[in-house]
Amino acid sequence: MISPLGGMQIFIYQWIHPSSLYAQSILRQNRLSQIIHILVTLVLIVKGLFGLFIIFYESDYSNNIIAKIETIWSAFIYIMYGITSAYYLVDRSLFIEFLKSYTEIIDHDKTFASEFTTKQFTKIKLFVLYCFCYETSYEIVKCDLRYIPEALVSPDNYLVKYSLITIILFFYKFGILSQFHFILEICFHLEAVFAVHKRCLNTLSFDYLDLRKDIPEQKIRLSRFIYSKIIKTCKIIDKFLFLSLLTFYIFFVGLDLFAIRGYFVKPRPSLVFTIFKFFGETNYLILITYHLIKVNQLSNKLFNKVYELSFDNKSFGFVNEVRNSLCL
């Protein structure tokens, strides 16, 4: 017998094919994604603890307040990323509820939604490729071993120890990029639900404005109901992603600030490296911020269209439904 949660997930799988590590792990699509999820969580937390430990381990930090603040900030953020990653495992039901609501909304035009998300996920693949090239180039140029105890980089068993460092570096970078990928994937799902409903409203508007047909009250009421459901879906994912977005913005804004600060202190990195790092990290901020703003704009535009159709068709009895939908 299939459990209610299992049946819900089977229903979700019919129209959603998650590409990010965290989405696959939360939905328990395969064991490998769950194992990597746990490993990434542990590596992020351990790396953060190493960052705190190094302040007491190396005497160089005692007279360098700025370096100490940067180290504490980095360690804190990596621990926060680890906690966020663990949170995905603990509160997975909230994400499944979001996807269930998503599938119910796109059920009105599943083919269009599938085509829309497929096109958007192609952009994700290109940006993930960019992220891989940037992060690899950055680590090769930087070659920063500050967060690794000296015992691990001593000449004894150098190859084994450096392999361990590389594995740790790979997992924590992979964890951060996976969270970025996860947030971006959710943004595209939200854009898809708005696109589906906008398509439906455009059809109603065409019937009313161009063909001068009266729109049945039932259809107008249904459009308000769908919009209200979309807003509820956004509220669910807002709650789920609150910690993720907070950590993301603190991390990347901090990286940009420290990149600029690094150029005005000694030893000073090259101007080319500073610019490379600043623009590399800023691209993450720009992309996520752009899609979050886009989702908000789509919500406002859709509200105006629903509200306009309700008044144009003299549907005064249900105007409060539209007003109250923003508070749901």
C-alpha atoms as a PDB file:
ATOM      1  CA  MET A   1       0.000   0.000   0.000  1.00  0.00           C
ATOM      2  CA  ILE A   2       1.303   3.487  -0.877  1.00  0.00           C
ATOM      3  CA  SER A   3       1.356   5.989   1.992  1.00  0.00           C
ATOM      4  CA  PRO A   4      -0.351   9.386   1.505  1.00  0.00           C
ATOM      5  CA  LEU A   5       3.050  11.092   1.337  1.00  0.00           C
ATOM      6  CA  GLY A   6       4.316   8.501  -1.113  1.00  0.00           C
ATOM      7  CA  GLY A   7       1.234   8.903  -3.279  1.00  0.00           C
ATOM      8  CA  MET A   8       1.685  12.662  -3.240  1.00  0.00           C
ATOM      9  CA  GLN A   9       5.296  12.304  -4.382  1.00  0.00           C
ATOM     10  CA  ILE A  10       4.290   9.970  -7.239  1.00  0.00           C
ATOM     11  CA  PHE A  11       1.790  12.635  -8.328  1.00  0.00           C
ATOM     12  CA  ILE A  12       4.528  15.302  -8.179  1.00  0.00           C
ATOM     13  CA  TYR A  13       7.032  13.212 -10.149  1.00  0.00           C
ATOM     14  CA  GLN A  14       4.668  13.085 -13.129  1.00  0.00           C
ATOM     15  CA  TRP A  15       5.282  16.758 -13.934  1.00  0.00           C
ATOM     16  CA  ILE A  16       8.390  17.773 -12.010  1.00  0.00           C
ATOM     17  CA  HIS A  17      11.896  16.558 -12.740  1.00  0.00           C
ATOM     18  CA  PRO A  18      14.166  18.289 -10.214  1.00  0.00           C
ATOM     19  CA  SER A  19      17.741  18.854 -11.321  1.00  0.00           C
ATOM     20  CA  SER A  20      19.289  20.235  -8.112  1.00  0.00           C
ATOM     21  CA  LEU A  21      20.910  18.023  -5.492  1.00  0.00           C
ATOM     22  CA  TYR A  22      18.704  19.276  -2.663  1.00  0.00           C
ATOM     23  CA  ALA A  23      15.428  18.864  -4.552  1.00  0.00           C
ATOM     24  CA  GLN A  24      16.326  15.275  -5.466  1.00  0.00           C
ATOM     25  CA  SER A  25      17.418  14.524  -1.907  1.00  0.00           C
ATOM     26  CA  ILE A  26      14.317  16.064  -0.299  1.00  0.00           C
ATOM     27  CA  LEU A  27      12.068  14.084  -2.642  1.00  0.00           C
ATOM     28  CA  ARG A  28      14.230  10.990  -1.993  1.00  0.00           C
ATOM     29  CA  GLN A  29      14.531  10.176  -5.671  1.00  0.00           C
ATOM     30  CA  ASN A  30      17.763   8.256  -5.170  1.00  0.00           C
ATOM     31  CA  ARG A  31      20.117   7.198  -2.389  1.00  0.00           C
ATOM     32  CA  LEU A  32      23.166   8.894  -3.895  1.00  0.00           C
ATOM     33  CA  SER A  33      21.665  12.395  -3.651  1.00  0.00           C
ATOM     34  CA  GLN A  34      20.743  11.771   0.005  1.00  0.00           C
ATOM     35  CA  ILE A  35      24.258  10.541   0.839  1.00  0.00           C
ATOM     36  CA  ILE A  36      25.886  13.532  -0.885  1.00  0.00           C
ATOM     37  CA  HIS A  37      23.417  15.841   0.874  1.00  0.00           C
ATOM     38  CA  ILE A  38      24.492  14.512   4.282  1.00  0.00           C
ATOM     39  CA  LEU A  39      28.212  14.644   3.384  1.00  0.00           C
ATOM     40  CA  VAL A  40      27.908  18.236   2.145  1.00  0.00           C
ATOM     41  CA  THR A  41      26.097  19.224   5.356  1.00  0.00           C
ATOM     42  CA  LEU A  42      28.842  17.735   7.529  1.00  0.00           C
ATOM     43  CA  VAL A  43      31.664  19.252   5.463  1.00  0.00           C
ATOM     44  CA  LEU A  44      30.122  22.751   5.628  1.00  0.00           C
ATOM     45  CA  ILE A  45      29.727  22.589   9.401  1.00  0.00           C
ATOM     46  CA  VAL A  46      33.214  21.104   9.924  1.00  0.00           C
ATOM     47  CA  LYS A  47      34.778  23.759   7.684  1.00  0.00           C
ATOM     48  CA  GLY A  48      33.048  26.470   9.706  1.00  0.00           C
ATOM     49  CA  LEU A  49      34.334  24.985  12.962  1.00  0.00           C
ATOM     50  CA  PHE A  50      37.873  24.841  11.497  1.00  0.00           C
ATOM     51  CA  GLY A  51      37.549  28.541  10.705  1.00  0.00           C
ATOM     52  CA  LEU A  52      36.795  29.303  14.360  1.00  0.00           C
ATOM     53  CA  PHE A  53      39.557  26.975  15.525  1.00  0.00           C
ATOM     54  CA  ILE A  54      42.179  28.629  13.337  1.00  0.00           C
ATOM     55  CA  ILE A  55      41.795  31.939  15.188  1.00  0.00           C
ATOM     56  CA  PHE A  56      43.248  30.295  18.275  1.00  0.00           C
ATOM     57  CA  TYR A  57      45.543  27.967  16.325  1.00  0.00           C
ATOM     58  CA  GLU A  58      47.550  30.638  14.487  1.00  0.00           C
ATOM     59  CA  SER A  59      49.163  33.565  16.268  1.00  0.00           C
ATOM     60  CA  ASP A  60      49.051  35.723  13.093  1.00  0.00           C
ATOM     61  CA  TYR A  61      45.444  36.622  13.849  1.00  0.00           C
ATOM     62  CA  SER A  62      46.140  38.133  17.268  1.00  0.00           C
ATOM     63  CA  ASN A  63      47.311  41.486  15.818  1.00  0.00           C
ATOM     64  CA  ASN A  64      45.151  41.529  12.689  1.00  0.00           C
ATOM     65  CA  ILE A  65      41.632  42.518  13.689  1.00  0.00           C
ATOM     66  CA  ILE A  66      40.304  42.712  10.102  1.00  0.00           C
ATOM     67  CA  ALA A  67      41.594  39.235   9.243  1.00  0.00           C
ATOM     68  CA  LYS A  68      40.077  37.892  12.461  1.00  0.00           C
ATOM     69  CA  ILE A  69      36.681  39.440  11.646  1.00  0.00           C
ATOM     70  CA  GLU A  70      36.795  38.008   8.116  1.00  0.00           C
ATOM     71  CA  THR A  71      37.687  34.562   9.460  1.00  0.00           C
ATOM     72  CA  ILE A  72      34.886  34.631  12.053  1.00  0.00           C
ATOM     73  CA  TRP A  73      32.424  35.834   9.413  1.00  0.00           C
ATOM     74  CA  SER A  74      33.450  33.072   6.973  1.00  0.00           C
ATOM     75  CA  ALA A  75      33.247  30.390   9.653  1.00  0.00           C
ATOM     76  CA  PHE A  76      29.828  31.598  10.800  1.00  0.00           C
ATOM     77  CA  ILE A  77      28.476  31.600   7.250  1.00  0.00           C
ATOM     78  CA  TYR A  78      29.733  28.082   6.493  1.00  0.00           C
ATOM     79  CA  ILE A  79      28.083  26.832   9.675  1.00  0.00           C
ATOM     80  CA  MET A  80      24.875  28.599   8.621  1.00  0.00           C
ATOM     81  CA  TYR A  81      25.069  26.930   5.199  1.00  0.00           C
ATOM     82  CA  GLY A  82      25.469  23.580   6.953  1.00  0.00           C
ATOM     83  CA  ILE A  83      22.474  24.267   9.207  1.00  0.00           C
ATOM     84  CA  THR A  84      20.415  25.325   6.177  1.00  0.00           C
ATOM     85  CA  SER A  85      21.375  22.125   4.384  1.00  0.00           C
ATOM     86  CA  ALA A  86      20.329  20.086   7.428  1.00  0.00           C
ATOM     87  CA  TYR A  87      17.058  22.031   7.643  1.00  0.00           C
ATOM     88  CA  TYR A  88      16.098  20.801   4.173  1.00  0.00           C
ATOM     89  CA  LEU A  89      16.148  17.248   5.534  1.00  0.00           C
ATOM     90  CA  VAL A  90      14.200  18.095   8.679  1.00  0.00           C
ATOM     91  CA  ASP A  91      11.378  20.145   7.125  1.00  0.00           C
ATOM     92  CA  ARG A  92      11.036  18.368   3.788  1.00  0.00           C
ATOM     93  CA  SER A  93       7.235  18.197   4.165  1.00  0.00           C
ATOM     94  CA  LEU A  94       7.029  21.968   3.594  1.00  0.00           C
ATOM     95  CA  PHE A  95       8.833  21.658   0.249  1.00  0.00           C
ATOM     96  CA  ILE A  96       6.617  18.743  -0.788  1.00  0.00           C
ATOM     97  CA  GLU A  97       3.563  20.824   0.118  1.00  0.00           C
ATOM     98  CA  PHE A  98       4.893  23.588  -2.143  1.00  0.00           C
ATOM     99  CA  LEU A  99       5.373  21.164  -5.055  1.00  0.00           C
ATOM    100  CA  LYS A 100       1.928  19.658  -4.538  1.00  0.00           C
ATOM    101  CA  SER A 101       0.377  23.111  -4.701  1.00  0.00           C
ATOM    102  CA  TYR A 102       2.511  23.879  -7.762  1.00  0.00           C
ATOM    103  CA  THR A 103       1.329  20.778  -9.630  1.00  0.00           C
ATOM    104  CA  GLU A 104      -2.306  21.574  -8.840  1.00  0.00           C
ATOM    105  CA  ILE A 105      -1.929  25.055 -10.337  1.00  0.00           C
ATOM    106  CA  ILE A 106      -0.128  23.992 -13.518  1.00  0.00           C
ATOM    107  CA  ASP A 107      -2.727  21.256 -14.007  1.00  0.00           C
ATOM    108  CA  HIS A 108      -4.680  23.888 -15.965  1.00  0.00           C
ATOM    109  CA  ASP A 109      -1.971  23.930 -18.647  1.00  0.00           C
ATOM    110  CA  LYS A 110       0.621  21.236 -17.918  1.00  0.00           C
ATOM    111  CA  THR A 111       2.136  21.222 -21.410  1.00  0.00           C
ATOM    112  CA  PHE A 112       2.836  24.955 -21.403  1.00  0.00           C
ATOM    113  CA  ALA A 113       4.299  24.789 -17.875  1.00  0.00           C
ATOM    114  CA  SER A 114       6.526  21.873 -18.844  1.00  0.00           C
ATOM    115  CA  GLU A 115       7.824  23.722 -21.922  1.00  0.00           C
ATOM    116  CA  PHE A 116       8.416  26.865 -19.872  1.00  0.00           C
ATOM    117  CA  THR A 117      10.417  25.133 -17.129  1.00  0.00           C
ATOM    118  CA  THR A 118      12.401  23.060 -19.654  1.00  0.00           C
ATOM    119  CA  LYS A 119      13.501  26.263 -21.384  1.00  0.00           C
ATOM    120  CA  GLN A 120      14.438  27.859 -18.052  1.00  0.00           C
ATOM    121  CA  PHE A 121      16.350  24.799 -16.833  1.00  0.00           C
ATOM    122  CA  THR A 122      18.534  25.042 -19.937  1.00  0.00           C
ATOM    123  CA  LYS A 123      19.666  28.421 -18.571  1.00  0.00           C
ATOM    124  CA  ILE A 124      20.462  26.770 -15.242  1.00  0.00           C
ATOM    125  CA  LYS A 125      22.760  24.268 -16.944  1.00  0.00           C
ATOM    126  CA  LEU A 126      24.662  27.056 -18.677  1.00  0.00           C
ATOM    127  CA  PHE A 127      25.044  29.009 -15.456  1.00  0.00           C
ATOM    128  CA  VAL A 128      26.141  25.922 -13.511  1.00  0.00           C
ATOM    129  CA  LEU A 129      28.845  25.467 -16.141  1.00  0.00           C
ATOM    130  CA  TYR A 130      29.888  29.080 -15.611  1.00  0.00           C
ATOM    131  CA  CYS A 131      29.948  28.542 -11.826  1.00  0.00           C
ATOM    132  CA  PHE A 132      32.174  25.489 -12.200  1.00  0.00           C
ATOM    133  CA  CYS A 133      34.654  27.344 -14.432  1.00  0.00           C
ATOM    134  CA  TYR A 134      34.700  30.417 -12.183  1.00  0.00           C
ATOM    135  CA  GLU A 135      35.079  28.545  -8.896  1.00  0.00           C
ATOM    136  CA  THR A 136      37.790  26.261 -10.287  1.00  0.00           C
ATOM    137  CA  SER A 137      39.757  29.206 -11.690  1.00  0.00           C
ATOM    138  CA  TYR A 138      39.319  31.168  -8.465  1.00  0.00           C
ATOM    139  CA  GLU A 139      40.585  28.362  -6.230  1.00  0.00           C
ATOM    140  CA  ILE A 140      43.596  27.713  -8.472  1.00  0.00           C
ATOM    141  CA  VAL A 141      44.581  31.399  -8.416  1.00  0.00           C
ATOM    142  CA  LYS A 142      43.843  31.919  -4.727  1.00  0.00           C
ATOM    143  CA  CYS A 143      45.281  28.644  -3.390  1.00  0.00           C
ATOM    144  CA  ASP A 144      44.149  29.625   0.123  1.00  0.00           C
ATOM    145  CA  LEU A 145      44.975  27.076   2.835  1.00  0.00           C
ATOM    146  CA  ARG A 146      44.101  29.267   5.823  1.00  0.00           C
ATOM    147  CA  TYR A 147      41.263  27.047   6.972  1.00  0.00           C
ATOM    148  CA  ILE A 148      43.385  23.886   7.004  1.00  0.00           C
ATOM    149  CA  PRO A 149      45.510  23.085  10.092  1.00  0.00           C
ATOM    150  CA  GLU A 150      49.257  23.025   9.407  1.00  0.00           C
ATOM    151  CA  ALA A 151      49.406  19.340  10.267  1.00  0.00           C
ATOM    152  CA  LEU A 152      47.413  18.570   7.124  1.00  0.00           C
ATOM    153  CA  VAL A 153      49.743  20.483   4.801  1.00  0.00           C
ATOM    154  CA  SER A 154      53.063  19.412   6.290  1.00  0.00           C
ATOM    155  CA  PRO A 155      55.514  17.528   3.992  1.00  0.00           C
ATOM    156  CA  ASP A 156      54.653  14.140   5.547  1.00  0.00           C
ATOM    157  CA  ASN A 157      52.226  12.200   3.334  1.00  0.00           C
ATOM    158  CA  TYR A 158      51.752  15.337   1.269  1.00  0.00           C
ATOM    159  CA  LEU A 159      49.853  13.662  -1.579  1.00  0.00           C
ATOM    160  CA  VAL A 160      47.333  11.991   0.722  1.00  0.00           C
ATOM    161  CA  LYS A 161      46.768  15.133   2.752  1.00  0.00           C
ATOM    162  CA  TYR A 162      46.442  17.376  -0.277  1.00  0.00           C
ATOM    163  CA  SER A 163      43.936  14.928  -1.766  1.00  0.00           C
ATOM    164  CA  LEU A 164      41.929  15.229   1.446  1.00  0.00           C
ATOM    165  CA  ILE A 165      42.042  19.021   1.221  1.00  0.00           C
ATOM    166  CA  THR A 166      40.843  18.852  -2.390  1.00  0.00           C
ATOM    167  CA  ILE A 167      37.923  16.588  -1.453  1.00  0.00           C
ATOM    168  CA  ILE A 168      36.878  18.921   1.376  1.00  0.00           C
ATOM    169  CA  LEU A 169      37.153  21.906  -0.963  1.00  0.00           C
ATOM    170  CA  PHE A 170      35.050  20.158  -3.593  1.00  0.00           C
ATOM    171  CA  PHE A 171      32.256  19.221  -1.170  1.00  0.00           C
ATOM    172  CA  TYR A 172      31.878  22.633   0.438  1.00  0.00           C
ATOM    173  CA  LYS A 173      31.938  24.434  -2.921  1.00  0.00           C
ATOM    174  CA  PHE A 174      29.483  21.899  -4.295  1.00  0.00           C
ATOM    175  CA  GLY A 175      27.211  22.487  -1.291  1.00  0.00           C
ATOM    176  CA  ILE A 176      27.130  26.251  -1.755  1.00  0.00           C
ATOM    177  CA  LEU A 177      26.545  25.992  -5.518  1.00  0.00           C
ATOM    178  CA  SER A 178      23.826  23.380  -4.935  1.00  0.00           C
ATOM    179  CA  GLN A 179      21.950  25.784  -2.672  1.00  0.00           C
ATOM    180  CA  PHE A 180      22.263  28.482  -5.321  1.00  0.00           C
ATOM    181  CA  HIS A 181      20.978  25.987  -7.924  1.00  0.00           C
ATOM    182  CA  PHE A 182      18.114  24.988  -5.608  1.00  0.00           C
ATOM    183  CA  ILE A 183      16.940  28.586  -5.050  1.00  0.00           C
ATOM    184  CA  LEU A 184      17.124  29.333  -8.767  1.00  0.00           C
ATOM    185  CA  GLU A 185      15.150  26.185  -9.590  1.00  0.00           C
ATOM    186  CA  ILE A 186      12.370  27.223  -7.183  1.00  0.00           C
ATOM    187  CA  CYS A 187      12.265  30.719  -8.736  1.00  0.00           C
ATOM    188  CA  PHE A 188      11.654  29.143 -12.151  1.00  0.00           C
ATOM    189  CA  HIS A 189       8.827  27.014 -10.745  1.00  0.00           C
ATOM    190  CA  LEU A 190       7.191  30.161  -9.338  1.00  0.00           C
ATOM    191  CA  GLU A 191       7.589  31.947 -12.659  1.00  0.00           C
ATOM    192  CA  ALA A 192       5.937  28.961 -14.335  1.00  0.00           C
ATOM    193  CA  VAL A 193       2.774  29.151 -12.192  1.00  0.00           C
ATOM    194  CA  PHE A 194       2.442  32.863 -12.888  1.00  0.00           C
ATOM    195  CA  ALA A 195       3.028  32.268 -16.612  1.00  0.00           C
ATOM    196  CA  VAL A 196       0.302  29.591 -16.695  1.00  0.00           C
ATOM    197  CA  HIS A 197      -2.242  31.826 -14.977  1.00  0.00           C
ATOM    198  CA  LYS A 198      -1.275  34.840 -17.090  1.00  0.00           C
ATOM    199  CA  ARG A 199      -1.920  32.751 -20.196  1.00  0.00           C
ATOM    200  CA  CYS A 200      -5.364  31.855 -18.875  1.00  0.00           C
ATOM    201  CA  LEU A 201      -6.192  35.492 -18.031  1.00  0.00           C
ATOM    202  CA  ASN A 202      -5.027  36.661 -21.461  1.00  0.00           C
ATOM    203  CA  THR A 203      -7.569  34.310 -23.033  1.00  0.00           C
ATOM    204  CA  LEU A 204     -10.332  35.729 -20.836  1.00  0.00           C
ATOM    205  CA  SER A 205      -9.255  39.305 -21.621  1.00  0.00           C
ATOM    206  CA  PHE A 206      -9.260  38.561 -25.345  1.00  0.00           C
ATOM    207  CA  ASP A 207     -12.795  37.174 -25.149  1.00  0.00           C
ATOM    208  CA  TYR A 208     -14.027  40.211 -23.257  1.00  0.00           C
ATOM    209  CA  LEU A 209     -12.138  43.114 -24.845  1.00  0.00           C
ATOM    210  CA  ASP A 210     -11.687  41.955 -28.450  1.00  0.00           C
ATOM    211  CA  LEU A 211     -14.626  39.635 -29.050  1.00  0.00           C
ATOM    212  CA  ARG A 212     -16.949  41.461 -26.647  1.00  0.00           C
ATOM    213  CA  LYS A 213     -18.100  38.226 -25.122  1.00  0.00           C
ATOM    214  CA  ASP A 214     -19.444  38.112 -21.597  1.00  0.00           C
ATOM    215  CA  ILE A 215     -17.175  36.069 -19.368  1.00  0.00           C
ATOM    216  CA  PRO A 216     -19.044  33.594 -17.161  1.00  0.00           C
ATOM    217  CA  GLU A 217     -18.889  34.540 -13.491  1.00  0.00           C
ATOM    218  CA  GLN A 218     -17.613  31.055 -12.722  1.00  0.00           C
ATOM    219  CA  LYS A 219     -14.467  31.616 -14.815  1.00  0.00           C
ATOM    220  CA  ILE A 220     -13.731  34.950 -13.175  1.00  0.00           C
ATOM    221  CA  ARG A 221     -14.211  33.447  -9.766  1.00  0.00           C
ATOM    222  CA  LEU A 222     -11.930  30.547 -10.713  1.00  0.00           C
ATOM    223  CA  SER A 223      -9.222  32.989 -11.814  1.00  0.00           C
ATOM    224  CA  ARG A 224      -9.373  34.664  -8.397  1.00  0.00           C
ATOM    225  CA  PHE A 225      -9.225  31.307  -6.683  1.00  0.00           C
ATOM    226  CA  ILE A 226      -6.139  30.267  -8.683  1.00  0.00           C
ATOM    227  CA  TYR A 227      -4.431  33.580  -7.953  1.00  0.00           C
ATOM    228  CA  SER A 228      -5.163  33.153  -4.258  1.00  0.00           C
ATOM    229  CA  LYS A 229      -3.674  29.648  -4.408  1.00  0.00           C
ATOM    230  CA  ILE A 230      -0.544  30.996  -6.133  1.00  0.00           C
ATOM    231  CA  ILE A 231      -0.060  33.535  -3.338  1.00  0.00           C
ATOM    232  CA  LYS A 232      -0.448  30.764  -0.748  1.00  0.00           C
ATOM    233  CA  THR A 233       2.155  28.740  -2.646  1.00  0.00           C
ATOM    234  CA  CYS A 234       4.546  31.699  -2.529  1.00  0.00           C
ATOM    235  CA  LYS A 235       3.976  32.016   1.226  1.00  0.00           C
ATOM    236  CA  ILE A 236       4.867  28.357   1.705  1.00  0.00           C
ATOM    237  CA  ILE A 237       8.141  28.611  -0.183  1.00  0.00           C
ATOM    238  CA  ASP A 238       8.974  31.963   1.462  1.00  0.00           C
ATOM    239  CA  LYS A 239       8.839  30.228   4.819  1.00  0.00           C
ATOM    240  CA  PHE A 240      10.905  27.300   3.540  1.00  0.00           C
ATOM    241  CA  LEU A 241      13.603  29.489   1.932  1.00  0.00           C
ATOM    242  CA  PHE A 242      13.872  32.208   4.591  1.00  0.00           C
ATOM    243  CA  LEU A 243      17.076  30.865   6.152  1.00  0.00           C
ATOM    244  CA  SER A 244      18.528  29.966   2.732  1.00  0.00           C
ATOM    245  CA  LEU A 245      18.047  33.460   1.312  1.00  0.00           C
ATOM    246  CA  LEU A 246      19.320  35.137   4.479  1.00  0.00           C
ATOM    247  CA  THR A 247      22.500  33.042   4.419  1.00  0.00           C
ATOM    248  CA  PHE A 248      22.910  33.502   0.666  1.00  0.00           C
ATOM    249  CA  TYR A 249      22.783  37.320   0.800  1.00  0.00           C
ATOM    250  CA  ILE A 250      24.999  37.623   3.886  1.00  0.00           C
ATOM    251  CA  PHE A 251      27.548  35.327   2.233  1.00  0.00           C
ATOM    252  CA  PHE A 252      27.779  36.919  -1.212  1.00  0.00           C
ATOM    253  CA  VAL A 253      27.410  40.556  -0.071  1.00  0.00           C
ATOM    254  CA  GLY A 254      30.159  39.859   2.458  1.00  0.00           C
ATOM    255  CA  LEU A 255      32.381  38.315  -0.215  1.00  0.00           C
ATOM    256  CA  ASP A 256      32.015  41.428  -2.370  1.00  0.00           C
ATOM    257  CA  LEU A 257      32.811  43.747   0.538  1.00  0.00           C
ATOM    258  CA  PHE A 258      35.876  41.741   1.578  1.00  0.00           C
ATOM    259  CA  ALA A 259      37.014  41.564  -2.043  1.00  0.00           C
ATOM    260  CA  ILE A 260      37.020  45.374  -2.221  1.00  0.00           C
ATOM    261  CA  ARG A 261      38.600  45.723   1.221  1.00  0.00           C
ATOM    262  CA  GLY A 262      41.337  43.265   0.289  1.00  0.00           C
ATOM    263  CA  TYR A 263      42.676  45.613  -2.354  1.00  0.00           C
ATOM    264  CA  PHE A 264      43.332  48.388   0.184  1.00  0.00           C
ATOM    265  CA  VAL A 265      45.295  46.343   2.711  1.00  0.00           C
ATOM    266  CA  LYS A 266      48.723  44.725   2.663  1.00  0.00           C
ATOM    267  CA  PRO A 267      49.686  42.318   1.249  1.00  0.00           C
ATOM    268  CA  ARG A 268      47.614  43.672  -1.603  1.00  0.00           C
ATOM    269  CA  PRO A 269      46.252  41.271  -4.270  1.00  0.00           C
ATOM    270  CA  SER A 270      46.482  42.250  -7.912  1.00  0.00           C
ATOM    271  CA  LEU A 271      43.824  44.565  -9.326  1.00  0.00           C
ATOM    272  CA  VAL A 272      42.914  41.941 -11.942  1.00  0.00           C
ATOM    273  CA  PHE A 273      42.295  39.309  -9.242  1.00  0.00           C
ATOM    274  CA  THR A 274      40.178  41.744  -7.173  1.00  0.00           C
ATOM    275  CA  ILE A 275      38.012  42.649 -10.180  1.00  0.00           C
ATOM    276  CA  PHE A 276      37.749  38.971 -11.174  1.00  0.00           C
ATOM    277  CA  LYS A 277      36.556  37.987  -7.698  1.00  0.00           C
ATOM    278  CA  PHE A 278      34.168  40.942  -7.324  1.00  0.00           C
ATOM    279  CA  PHE A 279      32.357  40.364 -10.620  1.00  0.00           C
ATOM    280  CA  GLY A 280      32.425  36.596 -10.188  1.00  0.00           C
ATOM    281  CA  GLU A 281      30.639  36.750  -6.821  1.00  0.00           C
ATOM    282  CA  THR A 282      28.321  39.597  -7.903  1.00  0.00           C
ATOM    283  CA  ASN A 283      26.921  37.461 -10.732  1.00  0.00           C
ATOM    284  CA  TYR A 284      25.380  35.124  -8.149  1.00  0.00           C
ATOM    285  CA  LEU A 285      23.672  38.053  -6.424  1.00  0.00           C
ATOM    286  CA  ILE A 286      22.434  39.580  -9.662  1.00  0.00           C
ATOM    287  CA  LEU A 287      20.874  36.375 -10.975  1.00  0.00           C
ATOM    288  CA  ILE A 288      19.015  35.411  -7.793  1.00  0.00           C
ATOM    289  CA  THR A 289      17.896  38.995  -7.109  1.00  0.00           C
ATOM    290  CA  TYR A 290      16.689  39.404 -10.695  1.00  0.00           C
ATOM    291  CA  HIS A 291      14.470  36.320 -10.527  1.00  0.00           C
ATOM    292  CA  LEU A 292      13.117  37.169  -7.059  1.00  0.00           C
ATOM    293  CA  ILE A 293      12.161  40.641  -8.319  1.00  0.00           C
ATOM    294  CA  LYS A 294      10.672  39.088 -11.453  1.00  0.00           C
ATOM    295  CA  VAL A 295       8.437  36.807  -9.358  1.00  0.00           C
ATOM    296  CA  ASN A 296       7.260  39.815  -7.349  1.00  0.00           C
ATOM    297  CA  GLN A 297       6.535  41.809 -10.512  1.00  0.00           C
ATOM    298  CA  LEU A 298       4.591  38.922 -12.033  1.00  0.00           C
ATOM    299  CA  SER A 299       2.505  38.739  -8.865  1.00  0.00           C
ATOM    300  CA  ASN A 300       1.673  42.450  -9.007  1.00  0.00           C
ATOM    301  CA  LYS A 301       0.805  42.344 -12.718  1.00  0.00           C
ATOM    302  CA  LEU A 302      -1.386  39.299 -12.250  1.00  0.00           C
ATOM    303  CA  PHE A 303      -3.197  40.905  -9.337  1.00  0.00           C
ATOM    304  CA  ASN A 304      -3.949  43.981 -11.463  1.00  0.00           C
ATOM    305  CA  LYS A 305      -5.295  41.828 -14.299  1.00  0.00           C
ATOM    306  CA  VAL A 306      -7.517  39.739 -11.997  1.00  0.00           C
ATOM    307  CA  TYR A 307      -8.749  42.888 -10.271  1.00  0.00           C
ATOM    308  CA  GLU A 308      -9.439  44.604 -13.610  1.00  0.00           C
ATOM    309  CA  LEU A 309     -11.463  41.686 -14.999  1.00  0.00           C
ATOM    310  CA  SER A 310     -13.521  41.516 -11.809  1.00  0.00           C
ATOM    311  CA  PHE A 311     -14.497  45.183 -12.095  1.00  0.00           C
ATOM    312  CA  ASP A 312     -14.964  45.217 -15.864  1.00  0.00           C
ATOM    313  CA  ASN A 313     -17.414  42.353 -15.561  1.00  0.00           C
ATOM    314  CA  LYS A 314     -19.113  44.051 -12.602  1.00  0.00           C
ATOM    315  CA  SER A 315     -18.118  41.252 -10.274  1.00  0.00           C
ATOM    316  CA  PHE A 316     -18.338  43.487  -7.226  1.00  0.00           C
ATOM    317  CA  GLY A 317     -19.463  40.717  -4.931  1.00  0.00           C
ATOM    318  CA  PHE A 318     -16.078  39.046  -5.037  1.00  0.00           C
ATOM    319  CA  VAL A 319     -13.691  42.016  -5.076  1.00  0.00           C
ATOM    320  CA  ASN A 320     -12.862  41.367  -1.419  1.00  0.00           C
ATOM    321  CA  GLU A 321     -11.561  37.944  -2.391  1.00  0.00           C
ATOM    322  CA  VAL A 322      -8.912  39.652  -4.518  1.00  0.00           C
ATOM    323  CA  ARG A 323      -8.033  42.150  -1.794  1.00  0.00           C
ATOM    324  CA  ASN A 324      -7.802  39.480   0.904  1.00  0.00           C
ATOM    325  CA  SER A 325      -5.699  37.163  -1.275  1.00  0.00           C
ATOM    326  CA  LEU A 326      -2.664  39.370  -0.575  1.00  0.00           C
ATOM    327  CA  CYS A 327      -3.033  38.676   3.129  1.00  0.00           C
ATOM    328  CA  LEU A 328      -3.379  34.881   2.848  1.00  0.00           C
END
